[in-house]
Amino acid sequence: MKPKLKMRLGDLLVQELIITESQLQQALSQQRTSGRKLGYTLIELGSITEEQLLQFLSQQLNIPYLDISKRAISPDVVGLLPEVQARRYRALVVEDRGDSALIAMSDPADLQALDNIEAQLAPRTIELAVVPEQQLLEAFDNLYRLTGEIAEIAGKLEEEYAADDMFDLASLTESDSDNETTVVRLLQTIFEDAVKMRASDIHIEPGEKVLRIRQRIDGQLQETVLQEVNIAAALVLRLKLMSGLDISEKRLPQDGRFHMEVKGHKIDVRMSTMPIYHGESVVMRLLDQSAGLLTLNETGMPPHILERIRKQIKRPHGMLLVTGPTGSGKTTTLYGILSELNSADTKIITVEDPVEYQLPRINQVQINHKIGLDFSNVLRTTLRQDPDIIMVGEMRDQETAEIGLRGALTGHFVLSTLHTNDAVTSALRLLDMGAAPYLVASALRVIIAQRLVRRVCQNCAVDYQLNLQDKAWVNSVTERDFSQAKLRKGLGCQSCNSTGYRGRIGVFEVLELDETMIEAMRTGNPQDFINAANNSPNFTPLLDSALAYLEKGMTTIEEVAKLAEDMSELPVNTEEVGMA
């Protein structure tokens, strides 16, 4: 049974001495002009706060007052009420109780809305709760994903092509300006959902009977499964056209890129195709150009590390390396450093594959292996362009490493990356690549190693204590005392898509080479170098930095354990490093 007010809302508020008669008349007069509901009009006029109004409605209607901002709500439950109706009536399904459903509303006295919602949810009966309107609006944005619309459009696309497996390439090519084509609408919806969920990558993977569309959000893949596997070829075809790739080539991998605007975001898409057993797999990296580059202050570096990095990048020459696996944020850190160094009196040249963000005043070179424009060839020319600072996207081979090291010795400040496990092993990797020990010892000045760990969602975070198993693990990796630590974890809410995490934070270690390390490098003694690095008073290993985040409640023990496991997968055997 739907709850009902015994009197009109305004009269009840006056009767309970919450507002005056004059305030009611003023609100009624403005309501006739604005057309807004009386409750919102009273709030706008300052006659009553939203909190007062909602608490009053809760008491009068005998329904609960809910705070849904920290509540984990299933998208399947939310989907019982279409998004259009949910936004129109300011209503959200928060629980499916089988025969009934709990509906959160900002105006549970709206009888017309209640009738329409009841008809939509029949045969379920409805039970009501009252919530602040702003919480509902945020919940709509967080919970109403576009997966349902993706599935619906995919179904229509499959119907269009069900009669014939052959696609009309000409018509698809001509449809560049036709945003109403089903393929374009499906891709547009996929991209809109990815941008909405802050995804960094989109994976399109055809299987034998299903098509999987996966998004990498905060480093973790989340999957949508479509039954319309037959549409995979149409999607890949369209994406190839957008990327300028060869649509007739399905046997070999291809790489391309294109630009698009999605919901006000300018997105640069890097696309890679690969032939697999049931078709072609597509992976797209999304770079949000409208978000802007992060400065060094915004990378999440702790102040003491930031101070050391700023001191190092003021050097007139030498080499700085940023290391870590793919997806650890190396490029973000490098661009942050370049942004800080970018000035009218400094000539900066970058050699990248690919150029991810365009920077003003900086000369950026895009590698093109097809025409022989590789790192080593470009780097030689770069040194003749009178640069002050050179950024090399990656040290991939001996030739590139030695040219970069010689450049650092001849008056240039060189920045680059390596795919190594930590800061200490990075110097040894250069030697393993064939660089001369005296070159590395003379040029290398600082190494930054980094990882990304998921940050605890602040909206649903609660305090917790380590269990016995967690305590045993912590005690096995550190001597830190966690008895007074403020540990936090997320319970899961709509803000974090019920994961308990929202966003990521960088974990850093910085190794500044001192005389002891340089001498060990020059004389070809890897173990002495490792010992000197680990005993350096300013060196804090990655794991210790991650444990500091855990102690402050910024991340969880699961994330720290994952980082520790990742680091243990690549042990360094110093006997294999040629330092002679």
Protein backbone atom coordinates (compact mmCIF):
# COMPACT_ATOMS: atom_id res chain seq x y z
CA MET A 1 0.00 0.00 0.00
CA LYS A 2 1.38 3.39 -0.97
CA PRO A 3 1.78 5.81 1.99
CA LYS A 4 -0.22 9.02 1.71
CA LEU A 5 -0.14 12.38 3.49
CA LYS A 6 -3.28 13.13 5.48
CA MET A 7 -3.16 16.81 4.46
CA ARG A 8 -1.38 18.82 1.81
CA LEU A 9 2.35 19.13 2.43
CA GLY A 10 2.32 22.90 2.92
CA ASP A 11 -0.54 22.81 5.42
CA LEU A 12 1.16 20.04 7.38
CA LEU A 13 4.42 22.02 7.57
CA VAL A 14 2.54 25.06 8.86
CA GLN A 15 0.59 22.95 11.34
CA GLU A 16 3.79 21.46 12.72
CA LEU A 17 5.30 25.00 13.00
CA ILE A 18 8.15 24.09 10.65
CA ILE A 19 7.30 27.02 8.33
CA THR A 20 5.03 30.03 8.72
CA GLU A 21 1.87 30.78 6.76
CA SER A 22 3.60 33.70 5.03
CA GLN A 23 6.46 31.43 3.95
CA LEU A 24 3.93 28.98 2.55
CA GLN A 25 2.12 31.70 0.58
CA GLN A 26 5.44 33.01 -0.78
CA ALA A 27 6.37 29.49 -1.89
CA LEU A 28 2.96 28.90 -3.49
CA SER A 29 3.26 32.17 -5.40
CA GLN A 30 6.73 31.26 -6.72
CA GLN A 31 5.59 27.72 -7.48
CA ARG A 32 2.90 29.03 -9.84
CA THR A 33 5.67 30.78 -11.80
CA SER A 34 8.39 28.12 -11.73
CA GLY A 35 6.22 25.00 -11.88
CA ARG A 36 8.53 23.27 -9.38
CA LYS A 37 7.18 21.14 -6.57
CA LEU A 38 6.37 22.88 -3.30
CA GLY A 39 9.03 21.09 -1.28
CA TYR A 40 11.85 22.12 -3.62
CA THR A 41 10.48 25.68 -3.76
CA LEU A 42 10.57 25.94 0.03
CA ILE A 43 14.16 24.69 0.02
CA GLU A 44 15.17 27.22 -2.67
CA LEU A 45 13.62 30.05 -0.64
CA GLY A 46 15.50 28.96 2.47
CA SER A 47 12.31 28.34 4.44
CA ILE A 48 13.38 24.78 5.19
CA THR A 49 16.44 22.61 4.61
CA GLU A 50 16.31 19.45 2.56
CA GLU A 51 17.29 17.45 5.65
CA GLN A 52 14.33 18.92 7.61
CA LEU A 53 11.89 18.22 4.78
CA LEU A 54 13.02 14.63 4.29
CA GLN A 55 12.98 13.84 8.00
CA PHE A 56 9.47 15.33 8.18
CA LEU A 57 8.25 13.21 5.24
CA SER A 58 9.84 10.13 6.83
CA GLN A 59 7.88 10.69 10.04
CA GLN A 60 4.58 11.63 8.37
CA LEU A 61 4.61 8.74 5.91
CA ASN A 62 6.16 6.31 8.38
CA ILE A 63 8.90 5.28 5.97
CA PRO A 64 12.67 5.04 6.57
CA TYR A 65 15.15 7.82 5.78
CA LEU A 66 18.13 6.28 3.95
CA ASP A 67 21.70 7.30 3.21
CA ILE A 68 22.40 5.40 -0.02
CA SER A 69 25.77 7.02 -0.76
CA LYS A 70 27.63 4.22 1.07
CA ARG A 71 25.26 1.44 0.14
CA ALA A 72 26.25 -1.29 -2.32
CA ILE A 73 23.39 -1.57 -4.81
CA SER A 74 23.28 -4.20 -7.55
CA PRO A 75 23.02 -2.82 -11.11
CA ASP A 76 20.62 -5.70 -11.87
CA VAL A 77 18.28 -4.45 -9.14
CA VAL A 78 18.58 -0.86 -10.31
CA GLY A 79 17.73 -1.98 -13.84
CA LEU A 80 14.22 -3.01 -12.78
CA LEU A 81 13.30 0.64 -13.31
CA PRO A 82 14.48 2.12 -16.64
CA GLU A 83 16.86 5.05 -16.34
CA VAL A 84 14.49 7.49 -18.06
CA GLN A 85 11.76 6.81 -15.49
CA ALA A 86 14.22 6.76 -12.60
CA ARG A 87 15.49 10.23 -13.46
CA ARG A 88 12.00 11.59 -14.19
CA TYR A 89 10.53 10.43 -10.89
CA ARG A 90 13.74 10.76 -8.85
CA ALA A 91 13.37 7.13 -7.81
CA LEU A 92 15.82 4.24 -7.47
CA VAL A 93 15.23 0.55 -6.83
CA VAL A 94 17.64 -0.31 -4.00
CA GLU A 95 16.38 -3.79 -3.03
CA ASP A 96 14.52 -6.56 -4.83
CA ARG A 97 12.69 -8.52 -2.14
CA GLY A 98 10.98 -10.96 -4.47
CA ASP A 99 7.32 -10.04 -4.05
CA SER A 100 8.19 -6.42 -3.32
CA ALA A 101 10.84 -3.82 -4.11
CA LEU A 102 12.30 -1.06 -1.93
CA ILE A 103 12.22 2.25 -3.78
CA ALA A 104 14.28 5.24 -2.67
CA MET A 105 12.67 8.57 -3.62
CA SER A 106 13.38 12.22 -2.95
CA ASP A 107 9.62 12.96 -3.03
CA PRO A 108 7.67 9.91 -1.83
CA ALA A 109 4.50 12.03 -1.68
CA ASP A 110 4.33 12.23 -5.49
CA LEU A 111 1.32 9.98 -6.09
CA GLN A 112 1.47 10.14 -9.88
CA ALA A 113 5.10 8.97 -9.85
CA LEU A 114 4.19 6.18 -7.43
CA ASP A 115 1.40 4.95 -9.71
CA ASN A 116 3.74 4.81 -12.72
CA ILE A 117 6.51 3.08 -10.76
CA GLU A 118 4.06 0.53 -9.37
CA ALA A 119 2.82 -0.24 -12.89
CA GLN A 120 6.41 -0.66 -14.13
CA LEU A 121 7.37 -3.04 -11.30
CA ALA A 122 4.14 -5.10 -11.26
CA PRO A 123 3.47 -7.72 -9.97
CA ARG A 124 5.84 -6.56 -7.22
CA THR A 125 4.44 -4.27 -4.57
CA ILE A 126 6.52 -1.24 -3.66
CA GLU A 127 7.93 -0.15 -0.33
CA LEU A 128 9.29 3.36 0.02
CA ALA A 129 12.25 5.13 1.60
CA VAL A 130 13.17 8.79 1.39
CA VAL A 131 16.67 9.96 0.33
CA PRO A 132 18.34 13.29 -0.56
CA GLU A 133 17.96 14.23 -4.21
CA GLN A 134 21.70 14.78 -4.71
CA GLN A 135 22.41 11.22 -3.60
CA LEU A 136 19.92 9.96 -6.18
CA LEU A 137 21.49 12.01 -8.97
CA GLU A 138 24.95 10.65 -8.11
CA ALA A 139 23.56 7.12 -7.94
CA PHE A 140 21.99 7.48 -11.41
CA ASP A 141 25.37 8.43 -12.87
CA ASN A 142 27.20 5.61 -11.07
CA LEU A 143 24.72 2.75 -11.40
CA TYR A 144 23.00 3.17 -14.74
CA ARG A 145 25.73 1.82 -16.97
CA LEU A 146 25.18 1.40 -20.69
CA THR A 147 25.59 -2.39 -20.76
CA GLY A 148 21.84 -2.88 -21.30
CA GLU A 149 21.85 -0.45 -24.21
CA ILE A 150 24.95 -2.15 -25.63
CA ALA A 151 23.16 -5.52 -25.55
CA GLU A 152 20.03 -4.05 -27.14
CA ILE A 153 21.93 -2.43 -30.01
CA ALA A 154 23.99 -5.59 -30.49
CA GLY A 155 20.74 -7.55 -30.86
CA LYS A 156 19.49 -5.16 -33.53
CA LEU A 157 22.80 -5.36 -35.36
CA GLU A 158 22.69 -9.16 -35.38
CA GLU A 159 19.16 -9.02 -36.88
CA GLU A 160 20.39 -6.72 -39.64
CA TYR A 161 23.13 -9.15 -40.65
CA ALA A 162 21.37 -12.41 -39.82
CA ALA A 163 20.35 -12.98 -43.43
CA ASP A 164 23.85 -12.73 -44.80
CA ASP A 165 27.28 -13.17 -43.28
CA MET A 166 28.76 -10.86 -45.93
CA PHE A 167 28.96 -7.21 -44.88
CA ASP A 168 28.49 -4.35 -47.29
CA LEU A 169 31.89 -2.68 -47.03
CA ALA A 170 30.91 0.17 -49.30
CA SER A 171 27.91 1.15 -47.22
CA LEU A 172 29.94 1.06 -44.03
CA THR A 173 32.65 3.18 -45.62
CA GLU A 174 30.08 5.75 -46.74
CA SER A 175 28.44 5.92 -43.32
CA ASP A 176 31.17 8.04 -41.72
CA SER A 177 28.78 10.96 -41.31
CA ASP A 178 25.75 8.84 -40.46
CA ASN A 179 25.69 8.57 -36.69
CA GLU A 180 22.45 6.59 -36.84
CA THR A 181 23.92 3.43 -38.27
CA THR A 182 23.68 0.55 -35.87
CA VAL A 183 27.40 -0.22 -35.87
CA VAL A 184 28.31 3.38 -35.12
CA ARG A 185 25.68 3.62 -32.37
CA LEU A 186 26.95 0.44 -30.77
CA LEU A 187 30.56 1.64 -30.78
CA GLN A 188 29.52 5.05 -29.53
CA THR A 189 27.66 3.43 -26.63
CA ILE A 190 30.66 1.22 -25.82
CA PHE A 191 32.96 4.25 -25.71
CA GLU A 192 30.47 6.28 -23.66
CA ASP A 193 30.26 3.51 -21.09
CA ALA A 194 34.07 3.22 -20.97
CA VAL A 195 34.54 6.96 -20.43
CA LYS A 196 31.80 6.99 -17.81
CA MET A 197 33.53 4.17 -15.89
CA ARG A 198 37.03 5.78 -16.26
CA ALA A 199 38.31 2.77 -18.23
CA SER A 200 41.85 2.90 -19.59
CA ASP A 201 41.39 0.09 -22.15
CA ILE A 202 38.61 -1.61 -24.11
CA HIS A 203 39.00 -5.25 -25.21
CA ILE A 204 36.76 -6.77 -27.91
CA GLU A 205 37.20 -10.56 -27.97
CA PRO A 206 35.11 -12.90 -30.14
CA GLY A 207 34.68 -16.42 -28.80
CA GLU A 208 33.00 -19.48 -30.24
CA LYS A 209 29.50 -18.58 -29.01
CA VAL A 210 29.80 -15.19 -27.30
CA LEU A 211 31.40 -11.79 -27.80
CA ARG A 212 33.20 -10.41 -24.78
CA ILE A 213 33.67 -6.68 -24.27
CA ARG A 214 36.00 -6.01 -21.36
CA GLN A 215 37.10 -2.74 -19.78
CA ARG A 216 40.17 -2.19 -17.64
CA ILE A 217 39.10 -0.01 -14.71
CA ASP A 218 41.69 0.87 -12.06
CA GLY A 219 43.89 -1.88 -13.46
CA GLN A 220 41.23 -4.63 -13.26
CA LEU A 221 39.25 -6.07 -16.18
CA GLN A 222 35.44 -6.00 -15.99
CA GLU A 223 33.49 -8.06 -18.51
CA THR A 224 30.27 -7.70 -20.50
CA VAL A 225 29.20 -10.82 -22.42
CA LEU A 226 27.10 -10.50 -25.58
CA GLN A 227 25.43 -13.49 -27.21
CA GLU A 228 25.58 -11.82 -30.65
CA VAL A 229 29.01 -13.14 -31.60
CA ASN A 230 28.18 -12.65 -35.31
CA ILE A 231 28.50 -8.86 -34.97
CA ALA A 232 32.22 -9.03 -34.09
CA ALA A 233 33.33 -8.75 -37.71
CA ALA A 234 31.21 -5.62 -38.23
CA LEU A 235 32.70 -3.95 -35.15
CA VAL A 236 36.29 -4.77 -36.14
CA LEU A 237 35.65 -3.60 -39.69
CA ARG A 238 34.31 -0.27 -38.56
CA LEU A 239 37.19 0.27 -36.12
CA LYS A 240 39.71 -0.53 -38.86
CA LEU A 241 38.11 2.08 -41.09
CA MET A 242 38.29 4.63 -38.28
CA SER A 243 41.98 3.78 -37.71
CA GLY A 244 42.93 3.79 -41.38
CA LEU A 245 43.95 0.12 -41.31
CA ASP A 246 43.78 -2.44 -44.12
CA ILE A 247 40.25 -3.89 -43.89
CA SER A 248 41.14 -6.80 -46.18
CA GLU A 249 43.99 -8.01 -43.95
CA LYS A 250 42.73 -10.37 -41.25
CA ARG A 251 45.71 -12.71 -40.95
CA LEU A 252 48.26 -10.29 -39.51
CA PRO A 253 48.25 -7.96 -36.49
CA GLN A 254 47.78 -4.25 -37.20
CA ASP A 255 48.20 -1.06 -35.15
CA GLY A 256 46.45 2.24 -35.65
CA ARG A 257 44.95 5.21 -33.86
CA PHE A 258 42.08 7.66 -34.17
CA HIS A 259 40.56 10.59 -32.31
CA MET A 260 37.00 11.02 -31.13
CA GLU A 261 34.90 13.11 -28.76
CA VAL A 262 32.80 11.29 -26.17
CA LYS A 263 30.53 13.21 -23.79
CA GLY A 264 32.73 16.30 -23.96
CA HIS A 265 35.95 14.29 -23.58
CA LYS A 266 38.51 14.40 -26.39
CA ILE A 267 39.80 10.84 -26.58
CA ASP A 268 42.90 9.62 -28.41
CA VAL A 269 42.43 5.90 -29.14
CA ARG A 270 45.40 3.61 -29.80
CA MET A 271 44.17 0.41 -31.39
CA SER A 272 45.77 -2.99 -31.86
CA THR A 273 44.25 -5.95 -33.73
CA MET A 274 45.39 -9.56 -33.51
CA PRO A 275 44.08 -12.63 -35.35
CA ILE A 276 42.74 -15.26 -32.94
CA TYR A 277 40.96 -18.57 -33.46
CA HIS A 278 37.42 -17.13 -33.71
CA GLY A 279 38.19 -13.87 -35.51
CA GLU A 280 40.17 -10.79 -34.59
CA SER A 281 40.79 -9.47 -31.09
CA VAL A 282 40.88 -5.69 -30.67
CA VAL A 283 42.41 -3.78 -27.77
CA MET A 284 42.04 -0.02 -27.55
CA ARG A 285 43.96 2.22 -25.13
CA LEU A 286 41.97 5.36 -24.27
CA LEU A 287 43.91 8.55 -23.63
CA ASP A 288 41.72 11.39 -22.39
CA GLN A 289 43.35 14.48 -23.87
CA SER A 290 40.77 16.81 -22.28
CA ALA A 291 41.76 15.64 -18.79
CA GLY A 292 45.11 17.38 -19.17
CA LEU A 293 48.54 16.20 -18.10
CA LEU A 294 49.32 15.53 -14.48
CA THR A 295 51.95 17.76 -12.92
CA LEU A 296 54.55 16.27 -10.60
CA ASN A 297 52.45 17.47 -7.66
CA GLU A 298 49.49 15.50 -9.00
CA THR A 299 51.31 12.19 -9.55
CA GLY A 300 50.84 11.24 -5.89
CA MET A 301 54.54 11.28 -5.03
CA PRO A 302 55.11 11.74 -1.29
CA PRO A 303 56.64 15.17 -0.47
CA HIS A 304 60.06 13.78 0.52
CA ILE A 305 60.36 11.89 -2.80
CA LEU A 306 59.07 14.89 -4.75
CA GLU A 307 61.75 17.08 -3.21
CA ARG A 308 64.50 14.64 -4.20
CA ILE A 309 63.20 14.33 -7.78
CA ARG A 310 63.01 18.11 -8.20
CA LYS A 311 66.61 18.40 -7.04
CA GLN A 312 67.75 15.74 -9.51
CA ILE A 313 65.98 17.15 -12.58
CA LYS A 314 67.75 20.47 -12.15
CA ARG A 315 71.02 18.80 -13.13
CA PRO A 316 72.48 20.12 -16.41
CA HIS A 317 73.37 16.60 -17.57
CA GLY A 318 73.09 12.94 -16.64
CA MET A 319 70.46 10.23 -17.07
CA LEU A 320 67.20 9.67 -15.16
CA LEU A 321 65.38 6.37 -15.62
CA VAL A 322 61.76 5.59 -14.73
CA THR A 323 61.16 1.84 -14.44
CA GLY A 324 58.29 -0.54 -13.92
CA PRO A 325 56.06 -2.95 -15.86
CA THR A 326 53.52 -1.92 -18.51
CA GLY A 327 50.71 0.12 -16.99
CA SER A 328 52.63 1.27 -13.94
CA GLY A 329 52.39 4.98 -14.78
CA LYS A 330 55.93 5.54 -16.13
CA THR A 331 54.77 7.77 -18.97
CA THR A 332 52.65 9.87 -16.62
CA THR A 333 55.70 10.48 -14.40
CA LEU A 334 57.90 11.37 -17.37
CA TYR A 335 55.34 13.81 -18.76
CA GLY A 336 55.02 15.34 -15.30
CA ILE A 337 58.79 15.91 -15.22
CA LEU A 338 58.76 17.34 -18.76
CA SER A 339 55.92 19.72 -17.87
CA GLU A 340 57.99 21.04 -14.98
CA LEU A 341 61.11 21.45 -17.11
CA ASN A 342 59.29 22.99 -20.09
CA SER A 343 60.31 26.63 -20.39
CA ALA A 344 61.19 29.13 -23.13
CA ASP A 345 64.94 28.88 -22.42
CA THR A 346 65.10 25.07 -22.59
CA LYS A 347 65.16 22.98 -25.77
CA ILE A 348 63.39 19.65 -25.20
CA ILE A 349 63.13 16.85 -27.76
CA THR A 350 61.26 13.59 -27.18
CA VAL A 351 61.50 10.34 -29.13
CA GLU A 352 58.34 8.30 -28.51
CA ASP A 353 56.46 5.27 -29.72
CA PRO A 354 53.76 6.44 -29.73
CA VAL A 355 53.41 10.13 -28.86
CA GLU A 356 50.67 9.93 -26.23
CA TYR A 357 50.14 13.59 -25.34
CA GLN A 358 51.09 16.66 -27.35
CA LEU A 359 53.09 19.18 -25.34
CA PRO A 360 53.53 22.85 -26.35
CA ARG A 361 57.05 24.05 -27.13
CA ILE A 362 58.44 20.48 -26.99
CA ASN A 363 59.66 18.82 -30.21
CA GLN A 364 58.10 15.35 -30.21
CA VAL A 365 59.17 12.68 -32.71
CA GLN A 366 56.96 9.70 -33.52
CA ILE A 367 58.86 6.47 -34.19
CA ASN A 368 58.02 4.74 -37.49
CA HIS A 369 59.76 1.39 -37.87
CA LYS A 370 58.33 0.83 -41.37
CA ILE A 371 60.58 3.55 -42.81
CA GLY A 372 63.56 2.92 -40.52
CA LEU A 373 62.74 5.77 -38.14
CA ASP A 374 63.66 3.88 -34.98
CA PHE A 375 64.93 5.01 -31.59
CA SER A 376 68.65 4.78 -32.35
CA ASN A 377 68.42 6.60 -35.72
CA VAL A 378 66.27 9.42 -34.32
CA LEU A 379 68.43 9.70 -31.20
CA ARG A 380 71.57 10.30 -33.28
CA THR A 381 69.85 13.14 -35.13
CA THR A 382 68.40 14.49 -31.91
CA LEU A 383 71.88 15.01 -30.46
CA ARG A 384 72.67 17.27 -33.45
CA GLN A 385 69.57 19.43 -32.79
CA ASP A 386 71.19 21.30 -29.87
CA PRO A 387 68.83 19.98 -27.19
CA ASP A 388 69.13 20.63 -23.46
CA ILE A 389 66.85 17.76 -22.50
CA ILE A 390 66.10 14.53 -24.37
CA MET A 391 63.36 12.08 -23.52
CA VAL A 392 63.63 8.61 -25.05
CA GLY A 393 60.41 6.60 -24.78
CA GLU A 394 62.20 3.37 -23.90
CA MET A 395 65.70 1.91 -23.75
CA ARG A 396 65.04 -1.13 -25.94
CA ASP A 397 68.47 -2.23 -27.13
CA GLN A 398 72.20 -1.78 -26.67
CA GLU A 399 72.56 0.83 -29.39
CA THR A 400 69.82 3.07 -28.04
CA ALA A 401 71.11 2.70 -24.47
CA GLU A 402 74.69 3.61 -25.39
CA ILE A 403 73.66 6.62 -27.51
CA GLY A 404 71.48 7.85 -24.64
CA LEU A 405 74.27 7.33 -22.09
CA ARG A 406 76.83 9.15 -24.29
CA GLY A 407 74.33 11.98 -24.73
CA ALA A 408 74.05 12.24 -20.94
CA LEU A 409 77.85 12.48 -20.74
CA THR A 410 78.09 15.26 -23.33
CA GLY A 411 76.02 17.93 -21.66
CA HIS A 412 72.44 16.70 -22.05
CA PHE A 413 69.89 15.66 -19.46
CA VAL A 414 68.38 12.37 -20.70
CA LEU A 415 65.10 10.86 -19.51
CA SER A 416 63.98 7.35 -20.40
CA THR A 417 62.17 4.22 -19.22
CA LEU A 418 63.02 0.57 -18.69
CA HIS A 419 60.77 -2.45 -18.17
CA THR A 420 62.52 -3.66 -15.04
CA ASN A 421 61.38 -4.89 -11.66
CA ASP A 422 62.80 -2.26 -9.35
CA ALA A 423 65.31 0.59 -9.18
CA VAL A 424 68.29 -1.50 -8.08
CA THR A 425 68.06 -3.99 -10.94
CA SER A 426 67.61 -1.27 -13.59
CA ALA A 427 71.28 -0.30 -13.64
CA LEU A 428 72.19 -3.98 -14.00
CA ARG A 429 69.71 -4.31 -16.88
CA LEU A 430 71.57 -1.64 -18.85
CA LEU A 431 74.74 -3.69 -18.43
CA ASP A 432 72.90 -6.85 -19.39
CA MET A 433 71.85 -5.09 -22.60
CA GLY A 434 75.53 -4.60 -23.44
CA ALA A 435 76.17 -1.03 -22.31
CA ALA A 436 79.72 -0.46 -21.11
CA PRO A 437 80.04 -0.34 -17.30
CA TYR A 438 82.05 2.91 -17.36
CA LEU A 439 79.29 4.57 -19.42
CA VAL A 440 76.55 3.55 -16.99
CA ALA A 441 78.66 4.55 -13.98
CA SER A 442 79.49 7.95 -15.48
CA ALA A 443 76.05 8.90 -16.85
CA LEU A 444 73.34 7.31 -14.71
CA ARG A 445 72.31 9.55 -11.82
CA VAL A 446 68.87 8.56 -10.53
CA ILE A 447 66.35 5.75 -11.03
CA ILE A 448 62.65 5.95 -10.14
CA ALA A 449 60.79 2.64 -9.86
CA GLN A 450 57.03 2.69 -9.52
CA ARG A 451 53.84 0.66 -9.34
CA LEU A 452 50.17 1.52 -9.08
CA VAL A 453 47.95 0.16 -6.31
CA ARG A 454 44.21 0.65 -5.99
CA ARG A 455 43.10 3.32 -3.56
CA VAL A 456 40.45 2.57 -0.92
CA CYS A 457 37.11 4.18 -1.84
CA GLN A 458 36.70 7.05 0.61
CA ASN A 459 32.93 6.96 0.28
CA CYS A 460 32.47 3.50 1.81
CA ALA A 461 35.73 3.08 3.76
CA VAL A 462 35.57 1.62 7.26
CA ASP A 463 38.20 0.80 9.89
CA TYR A 464 39.29 -2.81 10.30
CA GLN A 465 41.92 -4.92 12.03
CA LEU A 466 44.29 -7.46 10.51
CA ASN A 467 43.34 -11.10 11.05
CA LEU A 468 45.91 -13.64 12.19
CA GLN A 469 46.83 -14.68 8.65
CA ASP A 470 47.35 -11.06 7.55
CA LYS A 471 49.44 -10.33 10.65
CA ALA A 472 51.64 -13.32 9.90
CA TRP A 473 52.20 -12.12 6.33
CA VAL A 474 52.98 -8.54 7.42
CA ASN A 475 55.43 -9.81 10.05
CA SER A 476 57.17 -11.92 7.40
CA VAL A 477 57.90 -8.92 5.14
CA THR A 478 58.47 -6.02 7.57
CA GLU A 479 59.39 -5.11 11.11
CA ARG A 480 56.83 -2.29 11.16
CA ASP A 481 54.46 -2.25 14.12
CA PHE A 482 50.92 -2.24 12.76
CA SER A 483 49.22 -2.41 16.17
CA GLN A 484 48.37 1.33 16.06
CA ALA A 485 47.89 1.57 12.29
CA LYS A 486 44.68 3.09 10.97
CA LEU A 487 43.74 0.39 8.47
CA ARG A 488 40.82 1.03 6.11
CA LYS A 489 38.93 -0.97 3.52
CA GLY A 490 35.97 -0.22 1.25
CA LEU A 491 32.73 -2.11 1.78
CA GLY A 492 31.60 -1.41 -1.80
CA CYS A 493 29.16 1.24 -2.92
CA GLN A 494 27.80 2.79 -6.11
CA SER A 495 30.67 5.28 -6.22
CA CYS A 496 33.25 2.47 -6.61
CA ASN A 497 31.04 0.06 -8.58
CA SER A 498 30.87 -2.17 -5.47
CA THR A 499 34.61 -2.92 -5.62
CA GLY A 500 35.71 -1.05 -2.49
CA TYR A 501 38.33 0.82 -4.54
CA ARG A 502 38.20 4.05 -6.50
CA GLY A 503 41.22 5.29 -8.42
CA ARG A 504 44.86 4.31 -8.03
CA ILE A 505 47.88 5.78 -6.32
CA GLY A 506 51.54 5.53 -7.27
CA VAL A 507 54.06 3.66 -5.13
CA PHE A 508 57.61 4.93 -5.70
CA GLU A 509 61.19 4.12 -4.83
CA VAL A 510 64.05 6.45 -5.74
CA LEU A 511 67.66 5.36 -6.05
CA GLU A 512 70.22 8.17 -6.27
CA LEU A 513 73.61 6.79 -7.23
CA ASP A 514 76.34 7.78 -4.74
CA GLU A 515 80.09 7.29 -4.97
CA THR A 516 79.96 3.78 -3.49
CA MET A 517 77.42 2.59 -6.06
CA ILE A 518 79.22 4.32 -8.91
CA GLU A 519 82.51 2.69 -7.96
CA ALA A 520 80.89 -0.77 -7.73
CA MET A 521 79.39 -0.22 -11.17
CA ARG A 522 82.67 0.93 -12.67
CA THR A 523 84.67 -1.99 -11.27
CA GLY A 524 82.10 -4.57 -12.38
CA ASN A 525 80.90 -5.90 -9.03
CA PRO A 526 77.10 -6.37 -9.17
CA GLN A 527 76.68 -7.70 -5.64
CA ASP A 528 78.59 -4.74 -4.19
CA PHE A 529 76.31 -2.43 -6.17
CA ILE A 530 73.17 -4.15 -4.84
CA ASN A 531 74.48 -4.05 -1.27
CA ALA A 532 75.42 -0.38 -1.55
CA ALA A 533 72.01 0.48 -3.00
CA ASN A 534 70.05 -1.41 -0.35
CA ASN A 535 72.17 0.15 2.43
CA SER A 536 71.77 3.69 1.14
CA PRO A 537 70.17 5.83 3.92
CA ASN A 538 67.84 7.61 1.47
CA PHE A 539 66.61 4.46 -0.26
CA THR A 540 63.15 3.10 0.65
CA PRO A 541 62.13 -0.04 -1.28
CA LEU A 542 58.81 -0.20 -3.11
CA LEU A 543 57.32 -2.67 -0.65
CA ASP A 544 58.09 -0.40 2.31
CA SER A 545 56.46 2.52 0.49
CA ALA A 546 53.36 0.42 -0.16
CA LEU A 547 53.26 -0.67 3.49
CA ALA A 548 53.31 3.02 4.46
CA TYR A 549 50.15 3.54 2.35
CA LEU A 550 48.58 0.52 4.06
CA GLU A 551 49.44 1.96 7.48
CA LYS A 552 47.71 5.24 6.56
CA GLY A 553 44.57 3.48 5.31
CA MET A 554 45.10 4.52 1.69
CA THR A 555 45.20 0.98 0.28
CA THR A 556 44.57 -2.56 1.50
CA ILE A 557 46.74 -5.51 2.44
CA GLU A 558 45.45 -7.38 -0.64
CA GLU A 559 46.91 -4.67 -2.90
CA VAL A 560 50.22 -4.63 -1.03
CA ALA A 561 50.47 -8.44 -1.16
CA LYS A 562 49.78 -8.34 -4.90
CA LEU A 563 52.59 -5.81 -5.35
CA ALA A 564 54.96 -7.98 -3.30
CA GLU A 565 54.09 -11.05 -5.37
CA ASP A 566 54.58 -9.11 -8.60
CA MET A 567 58.04 -7.99 -7.51
CA SER A 568 59.10 -11.50 -6.51
CA GLU A 569 58.36 -12.87 -9.99
CA LEU A 570 61.47 -11.35 -11.55
CA PRO A 571 64.50 -12.23 -9.41
CA VAL A 572 67.86 -10.90 -10.52
CA ASN A 573 70.72 -13.32 -10.99
CA THR A 574 73.84 -11.16 -10.71
CA GLU A 575 76.01 -13.95 -12.09
CA GLU A 576 74.33 -13.53 -15.48
CA VAL A 577 75.01 -9.79 -15.66
CA GLY A 578 78.11 -9.07 -17.71
CA MET A 579 80.01 -6.37 -15.83
CA ALA A 580 83.50 -7.25 -16.85
